[in-house]
C-alpha atoms as a PDB file:
ATOM      1  CA  MET A   1      -0.007   0.008   0.005  1.00  0.00           C
ATOM      2  CA  ASN A   2       1.470   3.383  -0.984  1.00  0.00           C
ATOM      3  CA  SER A   3       2.054   6.203   1.472  1.00  0.00           C
ATOM      4  CA  ILE A   4      -0.743   8.383   0.091  1.00  0.00           C
ATOM      5  CA  ARG A   5      -3.263   5.618   0.647  1.00  0.00           C
ATOM      6  CA  ILE A   6      -1.965   5.156   4.200  1.00  0.00           C
ATOM      7  CA  GLN A   7      -2.395   8.874   4.828  1.00  0.00           C
ATOM      8  CA  GLU A   8      -5.968   8.737   3.542  1.00  0.00           C
ATOM      9  CA  GLN A   9      -6.815   5.905   5.913  1.00  0.00           C
ATOM     10  CA  SER A  10      -5.297   7.822   8.794  1.00  0.00           C
ATOM     11  CA  ILE A  11      -7.416  10.896   7.982  1.00  0.00           C
ATOM     12  CA  TYR A  12     -10.679   8.955   8.116  1.00  0.00           C
ATOM     13  CA  LYS A  13      -9.633   7.173  11.297  1.00  0.00           C
ATOM     14  CA  GLN A  14      -8.767  10.396  13.115  1.00  0.00           C
ATOM     15  CA  LEU A  15     -11.846  12.316  11.944  1.00  0.00           C
ATOM     16  CA  GLN A  16     -14.371   9.510  12.328  1.00  0.00           C
ATOM     17  CA  PRO A  17     -15.401  10.351  15.967  1.00  0.00           C
ATOM     18  CA  VAL A  18     -16.474  13.933  15.228  1.00  0.00           C
ATOM     19  CA  PHE A  19     -18.299  12.937  12.029  1.00  0.00           C
ATOM     20  CA  GLU A  20     -20.044   9.973  13.651  1.00  0.00           C
ATOM     21  CA  THR A  21     -21.329  12.291  16.372  1.00  0.00           C
ATOM     22  CA  HIS A  22     -23.112  14.307  13.673  1.00  0.00           C
ATOM     23  CA  GLY A  23     -24.489  11.195  11.919  1.00  0.00           C
ATOM     24  CA  TYR A  24     -21.973  10.936   9.088  1.00  0.00           C
ATOM     25  CA  GLU A  25     -20.642   7.596   7.845  1.00  0.00           C
ATOM     26  CA  ALA A  26     -17.074   7.165   6.694  1.00  0.00           C
ATOM     27  CA  LEU A  27     -16.867   6.098   3.028  1.00  0.00           C
ATOM     28  CA  PRO A  28     -13.104   6.018   2.266  1.00  0.00           C
ATOM     29  CA  THR A  29     -13.629   4.280  -1.093  1.00  0.00           C
ATOM     30  CA  LYS A  30     -15.747   7.297  -2.151  1.00  0.00           C
ATOM     31  CA  ASN A  31     -13.318   9.777  -0.506  1.00  0.00           C
ATOM     32  CA  GLN A  32     -15.893  11.222   1.869  1.00  0.00           C
ATOM     33  CA  PHE A  33     -17.988  11.211   4.989  1.00  0.00           C
ATOM     34  CA  ARG A  34     -21.688  11.122   4.056  1.00  0.00           C
ATOM     35  CA  LYS A  35     -24.975  11.600   5.824  1.00  0.00           C
ATOM     36  CA  LYS A  36     -28.125  10.406   4.103  1.00  0.00           C
ATOM     37  CA  THR A  37     -31.137  12.710   4.291  1.00  0.00           C
ATOM     38  CA  LYS A  38     -34.754  12.523   3.220  1.00  0.00           C
ATOM     39  CA  LYS A  39     -33.954  14.736   0.227  1.00  0.00           C
ATOM     40  CA  GLY A  40     -30.586  13.223  -0.695  1.00  0.00           C
ATOM     41  CA  SER A  41     -27.309  13.511   1.209  1.00  0.00           C
ATOM     42  CA  ARG A  42     -24.714  15.776   2.784  1.00  0.00           C
ATOM     43  CA  SER A  43     -21.062  15.008   2.131  1.00  0.00           C
ATOM     44  CA  VAL A  44     -17.616  16.155   3.175  1.00  0.00           C
ATOM     45  CA  LEU A  45     -15.213  15.187   0.394  1.00  0.00           C
ATOM     46  CA  PHE A  46     -11.470  14.733   0.727  1.00  0.00           C
ATOM     47  CA  SER A  47      -8.755  14.515  -1.902  1.00  0.00           C
ATOM     48  CA  VAL A  48      -5.164  13.631  -1.166  1.00  0.00           C
ATOM     49  CA  SER A  49      -2.466  14.059  -3.792  1.00  0.00           C
ATOM     50  CA  GLY A  50       1.263  14.536  -3.978  1.00  0.00           C
ATOM     51  CA  GLU A  51       4.418  12.542  -3.504  1.00  0.00           C
ATOM     52  CA  ALA A  52       5.532   9.927  -1.031  1.00  0.00           C
ATOM     53  CA  HIS A  53       6.646  12.331   1.698  1.00  0.00           C
ATOM     54  CA  ARG A  54       4.495  15.372   0.928  1.00  0.00           C
ATOM     55  CA  GLN A  55       0.772  15.195   0.381  1.00  0.00           C
ATOM     56  CA  ILE A  56      -1.796  17.931  -0.232  1.00  0.00           C
ATOM     57  CA  LEU A  57      -5.171  17.505   1.464  1.00  0.00           C
ATOM     58  CA  ASP A  58      -8.138  19.339   0.013  1.00  0.00           C
ATOM     59  CA  LEU A  59     -11.645  19.598   1.463  1.00  0.00           C
ATOM     60  CA  HIS A  60     -15.067  20.298  -0.064  1.00  0.00           C
ATOM     61  CA  LEU A  61     -18.607  20.219   1.344  1.00  0.00           C
ATOM     62  CA  GLY A  62     -21.379  18.908  -0.875  1.00  0.00           C
ATOM     63  CA  ILE A  63     -25.161  18.689  -0.738  1.00  0.00           C
ATOM     64  CA  ARG A  64     -27.197  16.505  -3.036  1.00  0.00           C
ATOM     65  CA  PHE A  65     -30.899  16.845  -3.796  1.00  0.00           C
ATOM     66  CA  ASP A  66     -31.995  13.605  -5.445  1.00  0.00           C
ATOM     67  CA  ILE A  67     -34.923  15.227  -7.213  1.00  0.00           C
ATOM     68  CA  ILE A  68     -32.624  17.788  -8.870  1.00  0.00           C
ATOM     69  CA  GLU A  69     -29.805  15.428  -9.756  1.00  0.00           C
ATOM     70  CA  THR A  70     -32.014  12.627 -11.081  1.00  0.00           C
ATOM     71  CA  LEU A  71     -33.696  15.021 -13.485  1.00  0.00           C
ATOM     72  CA  VAL A  72     -30.624  16.985 -14.545  1.00  0.00           C
ATOM     73  CA  GLN A  73     -28.545  13.872 -15.158  1.00  0.00           C
ATOM     74  CA  GLN A  74     -31.040  12.750 -17.821  1.00  0.00           C
ATOM     75  CA  PHE A  75     -30.089  15.764 -19.893  1.00  0.00           C
ATOM     76  CA  TYR A  76     -26.311  15.848 -19.348  1.00  0.00           C
ATOM     77  CA  SER A  77     -23.971  14.749 -22.104  1.00  0.00           C
ATOM     78  CA  GLY A  78     -21.225  12.384 -21.166  1.00  0.00           C
ATOM     79  CA  PRO A  79     -20.704   9.215 -19.104  1.00  0.00           C
ATOM     80  CA  LYS A  80     -23.287   8.268 -16.496  1.00  0.00           C
ATOM     81  CA  LEU A  81     -20.882   6.297 -14.283  1.00  0.00           C
ATOM     82  CA  PHE A  82     -21.070   8.716 -11.350  1.00  0.00           C
ATOM     83  CA  GLU A  83     -24.575  10.177 -11.660  1.00  0.00           C
ATOM     84  CA  ASN A  84     -25.603   8.701  -8.321  1.00  0.00           C
ATOM     85  CA  GLU A  85     -22.628  10.420  -6.676  1.00  0.00           C
ATOM     86  CA  SER A  86     -23.130  13.931  -8.037  1.00  0.00           C
ATOM     87  CA  ASN A  87     -23.698  16.838  -5.658  1.00  0.00           C
ATOM     88  CA  THR A  88     -26.051  19.693  -6.351  1.00  0.00           C
ATOM     89  CA  ILE A  89     -23.851  22.318  -4.720  1.00  0.00           C
ATOM     90  CA  VAL A  90     -20.219  22.013  -3.642  1.00  0.00           C
ATOM     91  CA  ALA A  91     -18.369  24.501  -1.452  1.00  0.00           C
ATOM     92  CA  SER A  92     -14.602  24.595  -1.151  1.00  0.00           C
ATOM     93  CA  LEU A  93     -12.935  25.291   2.173  1.00  0.00           C
ATOM     94  CA  HIS A  94     -11.509  28.648   1.069  1.00  0.00           C
ATOM     95  CA  LYS A  95     -14.920  29.833  -0.175  1.00  0.00           C
ATOM     96  CA  LEU A  96     -16.463  29.014   3.204  1.00  0.00           C
ATOM     97  CA  LYS A  97     -13.645  30.734   5.073  1.00  0.00           C
ATOM     98  CA  ASN A  98     -13.596  33.716   2.672  1.00  0.00           C
ATOM     99  CA  ALA A  99      -9.857  33.248   2.476  1.00  0.00           C
ATOM    100  CA  PRO A 100      -7.280  32.464  -0.244  1.00  0.00           C
ATOM    101  CA  ILE A 101      -7.161  28.913  -1.499  1.00  0.00           C
ATOM    102  CA  GLN A 102      -6.566  26.798   1.558  1.00  0.00           C
ATOM    103  CA  ARG A 103      -5.214  23.294   1.489  1.00  0.00           C
ATOM    104  CA  PHE A 104      -3.361  21.245   4.084  1.00  0.00           C
ATOM    105  CA  THR A 105       0.199  20.097   3.520  1.00  0.00           C
ATOM    106  CA  ILE A 106       1.040  16.781   5.193  1.00  0.00           C
ATOM    107  CA  THR A 107       4.645  15.792   5.586  1.00  0.00           C
ATOM    108  CA  ASP A 108       4.589  13.723   8.775  1.00  0.00           C
ATOM    109  CA  ASN A 109       2.311  12.442  11.491  1.00  0.00           C
ATOM    110  CA  GLU A 110       2.418  15.745  13.353  1.00  0.00           C
ATOM    111  CA  SER A 111       1.209  17.764  10.348  1.00  0.00           C
ATOM    112  CA  LEU A 112      -1.451  15.120   9.688  1.00  0.00           C
ATOM    113  CA  GLN A 113      -2.766  15.445  13.238  1.00  0.00           C
ATOM    114  CA  ARG A 114      -2.709  19.216  12.978  1.00  0.00           C
ATOM    115  CA  ALA A 115      -4.699  19.126   9.731  1.00  0.00           C
ATOM    116  CA  CYS A 116      -7.278  16.802  11.219  1.00  0.00           C
ATOM    117  CA  SER A 117      -7.565  18.997  14.295  1.00  0.00           C
ATOM    118  CA  GLU A 118      -8.150  22.104  12.173  1.00  0.00           C
ATOM    119  CA  ILE A 119     -10.746  20.266  10.082  1.00  0.00           C
ATOM    120  CA  SER A 120     -12.506  19.036  13.200  1.00  0.00           C
ATOM    121  CA  VAL A 121     -12.684  22.571  14.634  1.00  0.00           C
ATOM    122  CA  PHE A 122     -13.872  23.999  11.315  1.00  0.00           C
ATOM    123  CA  MET A 123     -16.630  21.403  10.973  1.00  0.00           C
ATOM    124  CA  LYS A 124     -17.845  21.977  14.515  1.00  0.00           C
ATOM    125  CA  GLU A 125     -17.815  25.774  14.171  1.00  0.00           C
ATOM    126  CA  LYS A 126     -19.065  26.211  10.634  1.00  0.00           C
ATOM    127  CA  GLY A 127     -19.030  23.112   8.400  1.00  0.00           C
ATOM    128  CA  PHE A 128     -21.914  21.146   9.860  1.00  0.00           C
ATOM    129  CA  ARG A 129     -23.939  24.327  10.206  1.00  0.00           C
ATOM    130  CA  PHE A 130     -23.388  25.150   6.538  1.00  0.00           C
ATOM    131  CA  LEU A 131     -24.458  21.688   5.441  1.00  0.00           C
ATOM    132  CA  SER A 132     -27.576  21.878   7.569  1.00  0.00           C
ATOM    133  CA  ALA A 133     -28.509  25.402   6.426  1.00  0.00           C
ATOM    134  CA  PHE A 134     -28.107  24.767   2.702  1.00  0.00           C
ATOM    135  CA  ASP A 135     -29.830  21.377   2.785  1.00  0.00           C
ATOM    136  CA  ARG A 136     -33.044  23.220   1.917  1.00  0.00           C
ATOM    137  CA  LEU A 137     -34.351  23.641  -1.625  1.00  0.00           C
ATOM    138  CA  LYS A 138     -35.126  27.338  -1.239  1.00  0.00           C
ATOM    139  CA  ARG A 139     -31.745  28.109   0.335  1.00  0.00           C
ATOM    140  CA  ALA A 140     -29.900  26.214  -2.386  1.00  0.00           C
ATOM    141  CA  ASP A 141     -32.042  27.880  -5.041  1.00  0.00           C
ATOM    142  CA  ALA A 142     -31.145  31.294  -3.630  1.00  0.00           C
ATOM    143  CA  THR A 143     -27.429  30.725  -4.022  1.00  0.00           C
ATOM    144  CA  ILE A 144     -27.828  29.394  -7.560  1.00  0.00           C
ATOM    145  CA  ASN A 145     -30.513  31.690  -8.977  1.00  0.00           C
ATOM    146  CA  ARG A 146     -30.329  34.944  -7.016  1.00  0.00           C
ATOM    147  CA  ASN A 147     -27.590  36.475  -9.204  1.00  0.00           C
ATOM    148  CA  PRO A 148     -27.805  34.545 -12.484  1.00  0.00           C
ATOM    149  CA  HIS A 149     -25.472  36.959 -14.284  1.00  0.00           C
ATOM    150  CA  LEU A 150     -22.673  36.221 -11.778  1.00  0.00           C
ATOM    151  CA  PRO A 151     -20.755  32.974 -11.199  1.00  0.00           C
ATOM    152  CA  CYS A 152     -22.286  30.779  -8.493  1.00  0.00           C
ATOM    153  CA  PRO A 153     -19.685  30.371  -5.682  1.00  0.00           C
ATOM    154  CA  TYR A 154     -20.899  26.866  -4.816  1.00  0.00           C
ATOM    155  CA  LEU A 155     -20.674  25.331  -8.279  1.00  0.00           C
ATOM    156  CA  HIS A 156     -17.386  24.823 -10.075  1.00  0.00           C
ATOM    157  CA  ASN A 157     -18.957  24.270 -13.480  1.00  0.00           C
ATOM    158  CA  GLN A 158     -21.113  27.215 -14.506  1.00  0.00           C
ATOM    159  CA  ILE A 159     -22.549  25.321 -17.468  1.00  0.00           C
ATOM    160  CA  ASN A 160     -23.927  22.756 -15.047  1.00  0.00           C
ATOM    161  CA  ARG A 161     -25.271  25.676 -13.026  1.00  0.00           C
ATOM    162  CA  CYS A 162     -27.511  26.606 -15.956  1.00  0.00           C
ATOM    163  CA  PHE A 163     -29.070  23.131 -15.945  1.00  0.00           C
ATOM    164  CA  LYS A 164     -29.500  22.980 -12.179  1.00  0.00           C
ATOM    165  CA  GLY A 165     -30.679  26.556 -11.875  1.00  0.00           C
ATOM    166  CA  ILE A 166     -33.516  26.150 -14.384  1.00  0.00           C
ATOM    167  CA  VAL A 167     -34.666  22.929 -12.669  1.00  0.00           C
ATOM    168  CA  PHE A 168     -34.741  24.702  -9.297  1.00  0.00           C
ATOM    169  CA  ALA A 169     -36.715  27.531 -10.857  1.00  0.00           C
ATOM    170  CA  ARG A 170     -39.363  25.155 -12.179  1.00  0.00           C
ATOM    171  CA  LEU A 171     -39.464  23.001  -9.062  1.00  0.00           C
ATOM    172  CA  LEU A 172     -40.056  26.037  -6.831  1.00  0.00           C
ATOM    173  CA  HIS A 173     -42.467  27.696  -9.307  1.00  0.00           C
ATOM    174  CA  ARG A 174     -40.349  30.852  -9.590  1.00  0.00           C
ATOM    175  CA  ASN A 175     -42.188  33.565 -11.515  1.00  0.00           C
ATOM    176  CA  ASP A 176     -38.922  34.547 -13.234  1.00  0.00           C
ATOM    177  CA  PHE A 177     -38.542  31.119 -14.915  1.00  0.00           C
ATOM    178  CA  GLY A 178     -38.651  32.697 -18.366  1.00  0.00           C
ATOM    179  CA  THR A 179     -36.099  35.361 -17.490  1.00  0.00           C
ATOM    180  CA  LEU A 180     -33.716  32.817 -15.968  1.00  0.00           C
ATOM    181  CA  ASN A 181     -34.099  30.619 -19.027  1.00  0.00           C
ATOM    182  CA  THR A 182     -33.083  33.516 -21.275  1.00  0.00           C
ATOM    183  CA  ILE A 183     -30.084  34.375 -19.074  1.00  0.00           C
ATOM    184  CA  TYR A 184     -28.845  30.795 -18.911  1.00  0.00           C
ATOM    185  CA  ARG A 185     -29.343  30.152 -22.604  1.00  0.00           C
ATOM    186  CA  ASN A 186     -27.444  33.340 -23.460  1.00  0.00           C
ATOM    187  CA  TYR A 187     -24.658  32.294 -21.104  1.00  0.00           C
ATOM    188  CA  LEU A 188     -24.325  28.928 -22.866  1.00  0.00           C
ATOM    189  CA  TYR A 189     -24.136  30.720 -26.222  1.00  0.00           C
ATOM    190  CA  SER A 190     -21.538  33.127 -24.832  1.00  0.00           C
ATOM    191  CA  GLN A 191     -19.391  30.204 -23.716  1.00  0.00           C
ATOM    192  CA  ARG A 192     -19.781  28.559 -27.140  1.00  0.00           C
ATOM    193  CA  ALA A 193     -21.215  25.473 -25.548  1.00  0.00           C
ATOM    194  CA  PRO A 194     -21.136  22.514 -27.940  1.00  0.00           C
ATOM    195  CA  ALA A 195     -24.280  21.804 -29.931  1.00  0.00           C
ATOM    196  CA  PRO A 196     -25.199  18.695 -27.886  1.00  0.00           C
ATOM    197  CA  ILE A 197     -25.172  20.755 -24.675  1.00  0.00           C
ATOM    198  CA  MET A 198     -27.358  23.437 -26.220  1.00  0.00           C
ATOM    199  CA  GLU A 199     -29.745  20.809 -27.530  1.00  0.00           C
ATOM    200  CA  ASN A 200     -29.935  19.065 -24.181  1.00  0.00           C
ATOM    201  CA  TYR A 201     -30.536  22.340 -22.350  1.00  0.00           C
ATOM    202  CA  ASN A 202     -33.399  23.213 -24.688  1.00  0.00           C
ATOM    203  CA  LYS A 203     -34.837  19.749 -24.314  1.00  0.00           C
ATOM    204  CA  LEU A 204     -34.674  20.131 -20.540  1.00  0.00           C
ATOM    205  CA  VAL A 205     -36.502  23.464 -20.634  1.00  0.00           C
ATOM    206  CA  ASN A 206     -39.222  22.079 -22.906  1.00  0.00           C
ATOM    207  CA  TYR A 207     -39.557  19.082 -20.647  1.00  0.00           C
ATOM    208  CA  LEU A 208     -39.874  21.279 -17.565  1.00  0.00           C
ATOM    209  CA  LYS A 209     -42.633  23.369 -19.143  1.00  0.00           C
ATOM    210  CA  CYS A 210     -44.960  20.368 -19.194  1.00  0.00           C
ATOM    211  CA  PHE A 211     -43.560  18.437 -16.229  1.00  0.00           C
ATOM    212  CA  SER A 212     -45.317  18.368 -12.873  1.00  0.00           C
ATOM    213  CA  PHE A 213     -43.375  17.850  -9.645  1.00  0.00           C
ATOM    214  CA  ASN A 214     -46.569  17.029  -7.725  1.00  0.00           C
END
């Protein structure tokens, strides 16, 4: 077993007590702690990269709404291998801390323990609260659709944001559905989205116009 894999196992072992207290299950093979909810799931995702004696640990918080992801995934182009693992919104650690990009550098057991301690404190003070607060359709919709002309801070891929945003708008019966559709379609054109993406977006919108969530 390589040293990076050993470090990953140590991270989950050290953080498991604090996550278990909040109802999260360790899923090392999926690189995360996850808590199932009635609407989907909340996740804290880890990535470890680097060399044998120096690893970089990165952290993201994700929330999945099954109703959003199940519908959007039908209209995405590309492989469907991970559609059941997709998150609706994903927040990086530095976005949540309003600080420059923040990752943890692990060179030995001491730095590993220090990183886990900082993560534990962050989750107790802010992380779990963020996941709870945004695990609401209206709250997630607000962060995606409130400023449609600006990048959404909790989605890395702004093209995906157009798909998710328009589904939220229809699901929550927003009266600006038509306006949002125009904004998102224009954004896709401005980014020179490939024809299949444009076609799938238009198919999604047409589907939503006659689809009932009841």
